[in-house]
Amino acid sequence: MEENKQANSNEIQIALSEEMAQGTYANLAVISHSASEFIFDFIRMVPGAPKAEVKSRIIMTPDNAQRLFFALQDNLKKFGEQMQKAAESAKTANFADFNGPKGEA
């Protein structure tokens, strides 16, 4: 019982404002680093435009950047597995069969 109380006390409640929930689209990321930090610049490039704009900059410690790397790697693996299952399912699906009566001619 004591372990449950401790686990609950380690939970973090994360607030997400409506504006932040909309997200920011980026189609390019530039990553640089120093001995003490990693800098992630998320950029939106518009085809044919001479300039691209940094939409967001995230600065992390190397430890947190490594945690982000592992979390991204895990999520990409899960995404790939889901897409593979969906592709296999689409191959075997019979979209013309609606389980209704068969037509006769």
PDB file of N, CA and C in Angstrom:
ATOM      1  N   MET A   1       0.828  -1.192   0.000  1.00  0.00           N
ATOM      2  CA  MET A   1       0.000   0.000   0.000  1.00  0.00           C
ATOM      3  C   MET A   1       0.868   1.250   0.000  1.00  0.00           C
ATOM      4  N   GLU A   2       1.955   1.225   0.714  1.00  0.00           N
ATOM      5  CA  GLU A   2       2.864   2.370   0.769  1.00  0.00           C
ATOM      6  C   GLU A   2       3.479   2.651  -0.602  1.00  0.00           C
ATOM      7  N   GLU A   3       3.737   1.575  -1.392  1.00  0.00           N
ATOM      8  CA  GLU A   3       4.318   1.752  -2.718  1.00  0.00           C
ATOM      9  C   GLU A   3       3.371   2.520  -3.633  1.00  0.00           C
ATOM     10  N   ASN A   4       2.053   2.267  -3.536  1.00  0.00           N
ATOM     11  CA  ASN A   4       1.083   2.978  -4.359  1.00  0.00           C
ATOM     12  C   ASN A   4       1.105   4.468  -4.065  1.00  0.00           C
ATOM     13  N   LYS A   5       1.187   4.825  -2.794  1.00  0.00           N
ATOM     14  CA  LYS A   5       1.229   6.240  -2.430  1.00  0.00           C
ATOM     15  C   LYS A   5       2.466   6.905  -3.016  1.00  0.00           C
ATOM     16  N   GLN A   6       3.592   6.184  -2.968  1.00  0.00           N
ATOM     17  CA  GLN A   6       4.822   6.749  -3.494  1.00  0.00           C
ATOM     18  C   GLN A   6       4.744   6.884  -5.013  1.00  0.00           C
ATOM     19  N   ALA A   7       4.201   5.896  -5.695  1.00  0.00           N
ATOM     20  CA  ALA A   7       4.081   5.961  -7.156  1.00  0.00           C
ATOM     21  C   ALA A   7       3.194   7.125  -7.561  1.00  0.00           C
ATOM     22  N   ASN A   8       2.083   7.323  -6.842  1.00  0.00           N
ATOM     23  CA  ASN A   8       1.183   8.426  -7.160  1.00  0.00           C
ATOM     24  C   ASN A   8       1.834   9.774  -6.903  1.00  0.00           C
ATOM     25  N   SER A   9       2.697   9.863  -5.895  1.00  0.00           N
ATOM     26  CA  SER A   9       3.333  11.141  -5.595  1.00  0.00           C
ATOM     27  C   SER A   9       4.377  11.496  -6.655  1.00  0.00           C
ATOM     28  N   ASN A  10       4.827  10.522  -7.456  1.00  0.00           N
ATOM     29  CA  ASN A  10       5.799  10.780  -8.519  1.00  0.00           C
ATOM     30  C   ASN A  10       5.138  11.177  -9.831  1.00  0.00           C
ATOM     31  N   GLU A  11       3.809  11.123  -9.885  1.00  0.00           N
ATOM     32  CA  GLU A  11       3.114  11.499 -11.105  1.00  0.00           C
ATOM     33  C   GLU A  11       3.207  13.001 -11.320  1.00  0.00           C
ATOM     34  N   ILE A  12       3.291  13.367 -12.585  1.00  0.00           N
ATOM     35  CA  ILE A  12       3.335  14.784 -12.949  1.00  0.00           C
ATOM     36  C   ILE A  12       2.079  15.096 -13.744  1.00  0.00           C
ATOM     37  N   GLN A  13       1.369  16.102 -13.330  1.00  0.00           N
ATOM     38  CA  GLN A  13       0.215  16.546 -14.091  1.00  0.00           C
ATOM     39  C   GLN A  13       0.693  17.564 -15.111  1.00  0.00           C
ATOM     40  N   ILE A  14       0.393  17.305 -16.369  1.00  0.00           N
ATOM     41  CA  ILE A  14       0.853  18.159 -17.457  1.00  0.00           C
ATOM     42  C   ILE A  14      -0.329  18.947 -18.000  1.00  0.00           C
ATOM     43  N   ALA A  15      -0.184  20.247 -18.038  1.00  0.00           N
ATOM     44  CA  ALA A  15      -1.238  21.116 -18.573  1.00  0.00           C
ATOM     45  C   ALA A  15      -0.941  21.388 -20.048  1.00  0.00           C
ATOM     46  N   LEU A  16      -1.979  21.328 -20.858  1.00  0.00           N
ATOM     47  CA  LEU A  16      -1.848  21.599 -22.288  1.00  0.00           C
ATOM     48  C   LEU A  16      -2.917  22.612 -22.661  1.00  0.00           C
ATOM     49  N   SER A  17      -2.480  23.840 -22.949  1.00  0.00           N
ATOM     50  CA  SER A  17      -3.436  24.875 -23.302  1.00  0.00           C
ATOM     51  C   SER A  17      -4.046  24.567 -24.663  1.00  0.00           C
ATOM     52  N   GLU A  18      -5.192  25.149 -24.932  1.00  0.00           N
ATOM     53  CA  GLU A  18      -5.870  24.938 -26.217  1.00  0.00           C
ATOM     54  C   GLU A  18      -4.990  25.416 -27.372  1.00  0.00           C
ATOM     55  N   GLU A  19      -4.329  26.532 -27.185  1.00  0.00           N
ATOM     56  CA  GLU A  19      -3.452  27.071 -28.230  1.00  0.00           C
ATOM     57  C   GLU A  19      -2.279  26.123 -28.502  1.00  0.00           C
ATOM     58  N   MET A  20      -1.666  25.612 -27.441  1.00  0.00           N
ATOM     59  CA  MET A  20      -0.532  24.709 -27.592  1.00  0.00           C
ATOM     60  C   MET A  20      -0.979  23.376 -28.190  1.00  0.00           C
ATOM     61  N   ALA A  21      -2.187  22.952 -27.899  1.00  0.00           N
ATOM     62  CA  ALA A  21      -2.714  21.686 -28.420  1.00  0.00           C
ATOM     63  C   ALA A  21      -2.839  21.712 -29.940  1.00  0.00           C
ATOM     64  N   GLN A  22      -2.937  22.893 -30.528  1.00  0.00           N
ATOM     65  CA  GLN A  22      -3.020  23.019 -31.983  1.00  0.00           C
ATOM     66  C   GLN A  22      -1.720  22.597 -32.652  1.00  0.00           C
ATOM     67  N   GLY A  23      -0.625  22.715 -31.933  1.00  0.00           N
ATOM     68  CA  GLY A  23       0.672  22.322 -32.469  1.00  0.00           C
ATOM     69  C   GLY A  23       1.224  23.318 -33.461  1.00  0.00           C
ATOM     70  N   THR A  24       2.457  23.094 -33.857  1.00  0.00           N
ATOM     71  CA  THR A  24       3.127  23.922 -34.845  1.00  0.00           C
ATOM     72  C   THR A  24       3.725  22.997 -35.889  1.00  0.00           C
ATOM     73  N   TYR A  25       3.388  23.215 -37.153  1.00  0.00           N
ATOM     74  CA  TYR A  25       3.896  22.360 -38.221  1.00  0.00           C
ATOM     75  C   TYR A  25       5.325  22.750 -38.568  1.00  0.00           C
ATOM     76  N   ALA A  26       6.192  21.739 -38.675  1.00  0.00           N
ATOM     77  CA  ALA A  26       7.564  21.939 -39.138  1.00  0.00           C
ATOM     78  C   ALA A  26       7.904  20.807 -40.091  1.00  0.00           C
ATOM     79  N   ASN A  27       8.642  21.119 -41.147  1.00  0.00           N
ATOM     80  CA  ASN A  27       9.039  20.084 -42.079  1.00  0.00           C
ATOM     81  C   ASN A  27      10.561  19.979 -42.201  1.00  0.00           C
ATOM     82  N   LEU A  28      11.263  20.592 -41.263  1.00  0.00           N
ATOM     83  CA  LEU A  28      12.718  20.503 -41.214  1.00  0.00           C
ATOM     84  C   LEU A  28      13.165  20.716 -39.770  1.00  0.00           C
ATOM     85  N   ALA A  29      14.175  19.977 -39.360  1.00  0.00           N
ATOM     86  CA  ALA A  29      14.763  20.184 -38.034  1.00  0.00           C
ATOM     87  C   ALA A  29      16.268  20.315 -38.196  1.00  0.00           C
ATOM     88  N   VAL A  30      16.826  21.286 -37.497  1.00  0.00           N
ATOM     89  CA  VAL A  30      18.271  21.470 -37.461  1.00  0.00           C
ATOM     90  C   VAL A  30      18.695  21.258 -36.018  1.00  0.00           C
ATOM     91  N   ILE A  31      19.664  20.372 -35.824  1.00  0.00           N
ATOM     92  CA  ILE A  31      20.104  20.034 -34.465  1.00  0.00           C
ATOM     93  C   ILE A  31      21.566  20.418 -34.318  1.00  0.00           C
ATOM     94  N   SER A  32      21.858  21.150 -33.245  1.00  0.00           N
ATOM     95  CA  SER A  32      23.245  21.488 -32.923  1.00  0.00           C
ATOM     96  C   SER A  32      23.464  21.198 -31.441  1.00  0.00           C
ATOM     97  N   HIS A  33      24.714  21.160 -31.038  1.00  0.00           N
ATOM     98  CA  HIS A  33      24.981  20.848 -29.635  1.00  0.00           C
ATOM     99  C   HIS A  33      26.299  21.451 -29.164  1.00  0.00           C
ATOM    100  N   SER A  34      26.389  21.569 -27.852  1.00  0.00           N
ATOM    101  CA  SER A  34      27.622  21.951 -27.176  1.00  0.00           C
ATOM    102  C   SER A  34      27.876  20.870 -26.126  1.00  0.00           C
ATOM    103  N   ALA A  35      28.829  21.087 -25.262  1.00  0.00           N
ATOM    104  CA  ALA A  35      29.120  20.105 -24.217  1.00  0.00           C
ATOM    105  C   ALA A  35      27.975  19.990 -23.217  1.00  0.00           C
ATOM    106  N   SER A  36      27.161  21.030 -23.105  1.00  0.00           N
ATOM    107  CA  SER A  36      26.143  21.026 -22.055  1.00  0.00           C
ATOM    108  C   SER A  36      24.707  21.073 -22.551  1.00  0.00           C
ATOM    109  N   GLU A  37      24.486  21.209 -23.868  1.00  0.00           N
ATOM    110  CA  GLU A  37      23.107  21.295 -24.344  1.00  0.00           C
ATOM    111  C   GLU A  37      22.974  20.878 -25.803  1.00  0.00           C
ATOM    112  N   PHE A  38      21.773  20.417 -26.125  1.00  0.00           N
ATOM    113  CA  PHE A  38      21.374  20.144 -27.506  1.00  0.00           C
ATOM    114  C   PHE A  38      20.314  21.170 -27.865  1.00  0.00           C
ATOM    115  N   ILE A  39      20.407  21.718 -29.061  1.00  0.00           N
ATOM    116  CA  ILE A  39      19.458  22.725 -29.528  1.00  0.00           C
ATOM    117  C   ILE A  39      18.745  22.159 -30.756  1.00  0.00           C
ATOM    118  N   PHE A  40      17.420  22.109 -30.679  1.00  0.00           N
ATOM    119  CA  PHE A  40      16.588  21.616 -31.772  1.00  0.00           C
ATOM    120  C   PHE A  40      15.807  22.801 -32.331  1.00  0.00           C
ATOM    121  N   ASP A  41      16.095  23.178 -33.563  1.00  0.00           N
ATOM    122  CA  ASP A  41      15.329  24.218 -34.244  1.00  0.00           C
ATOM    123  C   ASP A  41      14.375  23.531 -35.214  1.00  0.00           C
ATOM    124  N   PHE A  42      13.079  23.775 -35.038  1.00  0.00           N
ATOM    125  CA  PHE A  42      12.054  23.222 -35.909  1.00  0.00           C
ATOM    126  C   PHE A  42      11.623  24.317 -36.871  1.00  0.00           C
ATOM    127  N   ILE A  43      11.710  24.014 -38.159  1.00  0.00           N
ATOM    128  CA  ILE A  43      11.593  25.022 -39.212  1.00  0.00           C
ATOM    129  C   ILE A  43      10.476  24.646 -40.170  1.00  0.00           C
ATOM    130  N   ARG A  44       9.788  25.647 -40.662  1.00  0.00           N
ATOM    131  CA  ARG A  44       8.790  25.444 -41.713  1.00  0.00           C
ATOM    132  C   ARG A  44       9.335  26.047 -42.995  1.00  0.00           C
ATOM    133  N   MET A  45       9.536  25.179 -43.987  1.00  0.00           N
ATOM    134  CA  MET A  45       9.986  25.632 -45.307  1.00  0.00           C
ATOM    135  C   MET A  45       8.797  25.614 -46.255  1.00  0.00           C
ATOM    136  N   VAL A  46       8.670  26.662 -47.037  1.00  0.00           N
ATOM    137  CA  VAL A  46       7.626  26.730 -48.051  1.00  0.00           C
ATOM    138  C   VAL A  46       8.317  26.582 -49.406  1.00  0.00           C
ATOM    139  N   PRO A  47       7.866  25.624 -50.232  1.00  0.00           N
ATOM    140  CA  PRO A  47       8.515  25.433 -51.541  1.00  0.00           C
ATOM    141  C   PRO A  47       8.555  26.722 -52.348  1.00  0.00           C
ATOM    142  N   GLY A  48       9.722  27.010 -52.894  1.00  0.00           N
ATOM    143  CA  GLY A  48       9.891  28.189 -53.736  1.00  0.00           C
ATOM    144  C   GLY A  48      10.180  29.470 -52.980  1.00  0.00           C
ATOM    145  N   ALA A  49      10.025  29.461 -51.664  1.00  0.00           N
ATOM    146  CA  ALA A  49      10.293  30.672 -50.873  1.00  0.00           C
ATOM    147  C   ALA A  49      11.792  30.759 -50.594  1.00  0.00           C
ATOM    148  N   PRO A  50      12.351  31.974 -50.649  1.00  0.00           N
ATOM    149  CA  PRO A  50      13.795  32.114 -50.443  1.00  0.00           C
ATOM    150  C   PRO A  50      14.230  31.982 -48.984  1.00  0.00           C
ATOM    151  N   LYS A  51      13.286  32.075 -48.057  1.00  0.00           N
ATOM    152  CA  LYS A  51      13.616  31.999 -46.631  1.00  0.00           C
ATOM    153  C   LYS A  51      12.789  30.928 -45.955  1.00  0.00           C
ATOM    154  N   ALA A  52      13.329  30.381 -44.875  1.00  0.00           N
ATOM    155  CA  ALA A  52      12.594  29.453 -44.024  1.00  0.00           C
ATOM    156  C   ALA A  52      12.597  30.038 -42.618  1.00  0.00           C
ATOM    157  N   GLU A  53      11.542  29.775 -41.877  1.00  0.00           N
ATOM    158  CA  GLU A  53      11.383  30.392 -40.561  1.00  0.00           C
ATOM    159  C   GLU A  53      11.441  29.338 -39.467  1.00  0.00           C
ATOM    160  N   VAL A  54      12.252  29.619 -38.428  1.00  0.00           N
ATOM    161  CA  VAL A  54      12.270  28.758 -37.249  1.00  0.00           C
ATOM    162  C   VAL A  54      10.964  28.998 -36.500  1.00  0.00           C
ATOM    163  N   LYS A  55      10.200  27.938 -36.308  1.00  0.00           N
ATOM    164  CA  LYS A  55       8.911  28.038 -35.631  1.00  0.00           C
ATOM    165  C   LYS A  55       9.008  27.718 -34.154  1.00  0.00           C
ATOM    166  N   SER A  56      10.021  26.916 -33.794  1.00  0.00           N
ATOM    167  CA  SER A  56      10.184  26.560 -32.388  1.00  0.00           C
ATOM    168  C   SER A  56      11.626  26.151 -32.144  1.00  0.00           C
ATOM    169  N   ARG A  57      12.149  26.508 -30.991  1.00  0.00           N
ATOM    170  CA  ARG A  57      13.497  26.099 -30.581  1.00  0.00           C
ATOM    171  C   ARG A  57      13.368  25.428 -29.221  1.00  0.00           C
ATOM    172  N   ILE A  58      13.888  24.216 -29.135  1.00  0.00           N
ATOM    173  CA  ILE A  58      13.876  23.455 -27.885  1.00  0.00           C
ATOM    174  C   ILE A  58      15.326  23.218 -27.485  1.00  0.00           C
ATOM    175  N   ILE A  59      15.652  23.520 -26.241  1.00  0.00           N
ATOM    176  CA  ILE A  59      17.004  23.332 -25.728  1.00  0.00           C
ATOM    177  C   ILE A  59      16.932  22.286 -24.613  1.00  0.00           C
ATOM    178  N   MET A  60      17.793  21.261 -24.706  1.00  0.00           N
ATOM    179  CA  MET A  60      17.789  20.153 -23.744  1.00  0.00           C
ATOM    180  C   MET A  60      19.202  19.836 -23.289  1.00  0.00           C
ATOM    181  N   THR A  61      19.281  19.211 -22.118  1.00  0.00           N
ATOM    182  CA  THR A  61      20.554  18.656 -21.678  1.00  0.00           C
ATOM    183  C   THR A  61      20.853  17.416 -22.519  1.00  0.00           C
ATOM    184  N   PRO A  62      22.114  17.003 -22.618  1.00  0.00           N
ATOM    185  CA  PRO A  62      22.424  15.778 -23.356  1.00  0.00           C
ATOM    186  C   PRO A  62      21.657  14.559 -22.823  1.00  0.00           C
ATOM    187  N   ASP A  63      21.487  14.438 -21.515  1.00  0.00           N
ATOM    188  CA  ASP A  63      20.724  13.315 -20.952  1.00  0.00           C
ATOM    189  C   ASP A  63      19.288  13.315 -21.447  1.00  0.00           C
ATOM    190  N   ASN A  64      18.652  14.470 -21.437  1.00  0.00           N
ATOM    191  CA  ASN A  64      17.269  14.546 -21.900  1.00  0.00           C
ATOM    192  C   ASN A  64      17.165  14.358 -23.407  1.00  0.00           C
ATOM    193  N   ALA A  65      18.163  14.811 -24.151  1.00  0.00           N
ATOM    194  CA  ALA A  65      18.173  14.590 -25.599  1.00  0.00           C
ATOM    195  C   ALA A  65      18.275  13.094 -25.888  1.00  0.00           C
ATOM    196  N   GLN A  66      19.062  12.383 -25.096  1.00  0.00           N
ATOM    197  CA  GLN A  66      19.183  10.942 -25.277  1.00  0.00           C
ATOM    198  C   GLN A  66      17.865  10.243 -24.937  1.00  0.00           C
ATOM    199  N   ARG A  67      17.191  10.698 -23.891  1.00  0.00           N
ATOM    200  CA  ARG A  67      15.877  10.133 -23.550  1.00  0.00           C
ATOM    201  C   ARG A  67      14.881  10.388 -24.691  1.00  0.00           C
ATOM    202  N   LEU A  68      14.929  11.575 -25.276  1.00  0.00           N
ATOM    203  CA  LEU A  68      14.070  11.893 -26.420  1.00  0.00           C
ATOM    204  C   LEU A  68      14.380  10.960 -27.587  1.00  0.00           C
ATOM    205  N   PHE A  69      15.656  10.727 -27.837  1.00  0.00           N
ATOM    206  CA  PHE A  69      16.068   9.826 -28.915  1.00  0.00           C
ATOM    207  C   PHE A  69      15.476   8.430 -28.715  1.00  0.00           C
ATOM    208  N   PHE A  70      15.603   7.894 -27.508  1.00  0.00           N
ATOM    209  CA  PHE A  70      15.079   6.552 -27.239  1.00  0.00           C
ATOM    210  C   PHE A  70      13.557   6.518 -27.332  1.00  0.00           C
ATOM    211  N   ALA A  71      12.893   7.552 -26.854  1.00  0.00           N
ATOM    212  CA  ALA A  71      11.433   7.608 -26.936  1.00  0.00           C
ATOM    213  C   ALA A  71      10.981   7.705 -28.397  1.00  0.00           C
ATOM    214  N   LEU A  72      11.675   8.484 -29.203  1.00  0.00           N
ATOM    215  CA  LEU A  72      11.348   8.611 -30.622  1.00  0.00           C
ATOM    216  C   LEU A  72      11.591   7.285 -31.339  1.00  0.00           C
ATOM    217  N   GLN A  73      12.698   6.646 -31.030  1.00  0.00           N
ATOM    218  CA  GLN A  73      13.022   5.353 -31.628  1.00  0.00           C
ATOM    219  C   GLN A  73      11.941   4.326 -31.299  1.00  0.00           C
ATOM    220  N   ASP A  74      11.491   4.287 -30.045  1.00  0.00           N
ATOM    221  CA  ASP A  74      10.448   3.352 -29.620  1.00  0.00           C
ATOM    222  C   ASP A  74       9.129   3.646 -30.332  1.00  0.00           C
ATOM    223  N   ASN A  75       8.771   4.916 -30.432  1.00  0.00           N
ATOM    224  CA  ASN A  75       7.521   5.284 -31.094  1.00  0.00           C
ATOM    225  C   ASN A  75       7.566   5.000 -32.589  1.00  0.00           C
ATOM    226  N   LEU A  76       8.702   5.217 -33.234  1.00  0.00           N
ATOM    227  CA  LEU A  76       8.816   4.906 -34.661  1.00  0.00           C
ATOM    228  C   LEU A  76       8.699   3.404 -34.896  1.00  0.00           C
ATOM    229  N   LYS A  77       9.245   2.605 -34.002  1.00  0.00           N
ATOM    230  CA  LYS A  77       9.117   1.147 -34.112  1.00  0.00           C
ATOM    231  C   LYS A  77       7.648   0.745 -34.004  1.00  0.00           C
ATOM    232  N   LYS A  78       6.951   1.289 -33.013  1.00  0.00           N
ATOM    233  CA  LYS A  78       5.529   0.978 -32.834  1.00  0.00           C
ATOM    234  C   LYS A  78       4.710   1.451 -34.041  1.00  0.00           C
ATOM    235  N   PHE A  79       5.028   2.617 -34.562  1.00  0.00           N
ATOM    236  CA  PHE A  79       4.346   3.147 -35.741  1.00  0.00           C
ATOM    237  C   PHE A  79       4.531   2.199 -36.921  1.00  0.00           C
ATOM    238  N   GLY A  80       5.766   1.751 -37.150  1.00  0.00           N
ATOM    239  CA  GLY A  80       6.052   0.828 -38.240  1.00  0.00           C
ATOM    240  C   GLY A  80       5.272  -0.468 -38.109  1.00  0.00           C
ATOM    241  N   GLU A  81       5.175  -0.990 -36.886  1.00  0.00           N
ATOM    242  CA  GLU A  81       4.412  -2.218 -36.651  1.00  0.00           C
ATOM    243  C   GLU A  81       2.934  -2.004 -36.947  1.00  0.00           C
ATOM    244  N   GLN A  82       2.394  -0.864 -36.541  1.00  0.00           N
ATOM    245  CA  GLN A  82       0.981  -0.561 -36.805  1.00  0.00           C
ATOM    246  C   GLN A  82       0.719  -0.414 -38.295  1.00  0.00           C
ATOM    247  N   MET A  83       1.621   0.241 -39.012  1.00  0.00           N
ATOM    248  CA  MET A  83       1.444   0.437 -40.445  1.00  0.00           C
ATOM    249  C   MET A  83       1.542  -0.891 -41.185  1.00  0.00           C
ATOM    250  N   GLN A  84       2.423  -1.762 -40.723  1.00  0.00           N
ATOM    251  CA  GLN A  84       2.561  -3.074 -41.353  1.00  0.00           C
ATOM    252  C   GLN A  84       1.279  -3.885 -41.160  1.00  0.00           C
ATOM    253  N   LYS A  85       0.711  -3.855 -39.958  1.00  0.00           N
ATOM    254  CA  LYS A  85      -0.547  -4.555 -39.697  1.00  0.00           C
ATOM    255  C   LYS A  85      -1.667  -3.985 -40.560  1.00  0.00           C
ATOM    256  N   ALA A  86      -1.719  -2.668 -40.687  1.00  0.00           N
ATOM    257  CA  ALA A  86      -2.760  -2.031 -41.507  1.00  0.00           C
ATOM    258  C   ALA A  86      -2.609  -2.415 -42.965  1.00  0.00           C
ATOM    259  N   ALA A  87      -1.379  -2.471 -43.458  1.00  0.00           N
ATOM    260  CA  ALA A  87      -1.137  -2.845 -44.862  1.00  0.00           C
ATOM    261  C   ALA A  87      -1.529  -4.296 -45.103  1.00  0.00           C
ATOM    262  N   GLU A  88      -1.200  -5.161 -44.162  1.00  0.00           N
ATOM    263  CA  GLU A  88      -1.568  -6.576 -44.295  1.00  0.00           C
ATOM    264  C   GLU A  88      -3.083  -6.739 -44.246  1.00  0.00           C
ATOM    265  N   SER A  89      -3.727  -5.984 -43.387  1.00  0.00           N
ATOM    266  CA  SER A  89      -5.181  -6.036 -43.269  1.00  0.00           C
ATOM    267  C   SER A  89      -5.848  -5.555 -44.553  1.00  0.00           C
ATOM    268  N   ALA A  90      -5.299  -4.504 -45.148  1.00  0.00           N
ATOM    269  CA  ALA A  90      -5.866  -3.958 -46.388  1.00  0.00           C
ATOM    270  C   ALA A  90      -5.719  -4.948 -47.542  1.00  0.00           C
ATOM    271  N   LYS A  91      -4.639  -5.722 -47.550  1.00  0.00           N
ATOM    272  CA  LYS A  91      -4.425  -6.707 -48.611  1.00  0.00           C
ATOM    273  C   LYS A  91      -5.473  -7.814 -48.558  1.00  0.00           C
ATOM    274  N   THR A  92      -5.897  -8.192 -47.354  1.00  0.00           N
ATOM    275  CA  THR A  92      -6.818  -9.322 -47.208  1.00  0.00           C
ATOM    276  C   THR A  92      -8.278  -8.881 -47.148  1.00  0.00           C
ATOM    277  N   ALA A  93      -8.529  -7.589 -47.057  1.00  0.00           N
ATOM    278  CA  ALA A  93      -9.914  -7.109 -46.962  1.00  0.00           C
ATOM    279  C   ALA A  93     -10.615  -7.264 -48.301  1.00  0.00           C
ATOM    280  N   ASN A  94     -11.877  -7.662 -48.249  1.00  0.00           N
ATOM    281  CA  ASN A  94     -12.693  -7.779 -49.452  1.00  0.00           C
ATOM    282  C   ASN A  94     -13.741  -6.663 -49.381  1.00  0.00           C
ATOM    283  N   PHE A  95     -13.443  -5.562 -50.026  1.00  0.00           N
ATOM    284  CA  PHE A  95     -14.308  -4.389 -49.903  1.00  0.00           C
ATOM    285  C   PHE A  95     -15.627  -4.554 -50.648  1.00  0.00           C
ATOM    286  N   ALA A  96     -15.719  -5.493 -51.591  1.00  0.00           N
ATOM    287  CA  ALA A  96     -16.948  -5.678 -52.354  1.00  0.00           C
ATOM    288  C   ALA A  96     -17.966  -6.554 -51.619  1.00  0.00           C
ATOM    289  N   ASP A  97     -17.540  -7.238 -50.580  1.00  0.00           N
ATOM    290  CA  ASP A  97     -18.420  -8.133 -49.849  1.00  0.00           C
ATOM    291  C   ASP A  97     -19.033  -7.390 -48.662  1.00  0.00           C
ATOM    292  N   PHE A  98     -20.312  -7.037 -48.761  1.00  0.00           N
ATOM    293  CA  PHE A  98     -20.994  -6.312 -47.691  1.00  0.00           C
ATOM    294  C   PHE A  98     -21.847  -7.247 -46.851  1.00  0.00           C
ATOM    295  N   ASN A  99     -21.647  -8.554 -46.995  1.00  0.00           N
ATOM    296  CA  ASN A  99     -22.389  -9.566 -46.246  1.00  0.00           C
ATOM    297  C   ASN A  99     -23.882  -9.488 -46.484  1.00  0.00           C
ATOM    298  N   GLY A 100     -24.284  -8.970 -47.584  1.00  0.00           N
ATOM    299  CA  GLY A 100     -25.706  -8.895 -47.944  1.00  0.00           C
ATOM    300  C   GLY A 100     -26.045 -10.004 -48.930  1.00  0.00           C
ATOM    301  N   PRO A 101     -27.271 -10.013 -49.406  1.00  0.00           N
ATOM    302  CA  PRO A 101     -27.672 -11.040 -50.367  1.00  0.00           C
ATOM    303  C   PRO A 101     -26.910 -10.878 -51.679  1.00  0.00           C
ATOM    304  N   LYS A 102     -26.595 -12.005 -52.288  1.00  0.00           N
ATOM    305  CA  LYS A 102     -25.873 -11.998 -53.556  1.00  0.00           C
ATOM    306  C   LYS A 102     -26.854 -11.753 -54.693  1.00  0.00           C
ATOM    307  N   GLY A 103     -26.427 -10.944 -55.636  1.00  0.00           N
ATOM    308  CA  GLY A 103     -27.257 -10.661 -56.800  1.00  0.00           C
ATOM    309  C   GLY A 103     -27.337 -11.857 -57.738  1.00  0.00           C
ATOM    310  N   GLU A 104     -28.466 -11.993 -58.448  1.00  0.00           N
ATOM    311  CA  GLU A 104     -28.629 -13.064 -59.421  1.00  0.00           C
ATOM    312  C   GLU A 104     -28.990 -12.451 -60.766  1.00  0.00           C
ATOM    313  N   ALA A 105     -28.425 -13.036 -61.803  1.00  0.00           N
ATOM    314  CA  ALA A 105     -28.740 -12.539 -63.146  1.00  0.00           C
ATOM    315  C   ALA A 105     -29.300 -13.645 -63.998  1.00  0.00           C
TER     316      ALA A 105
END
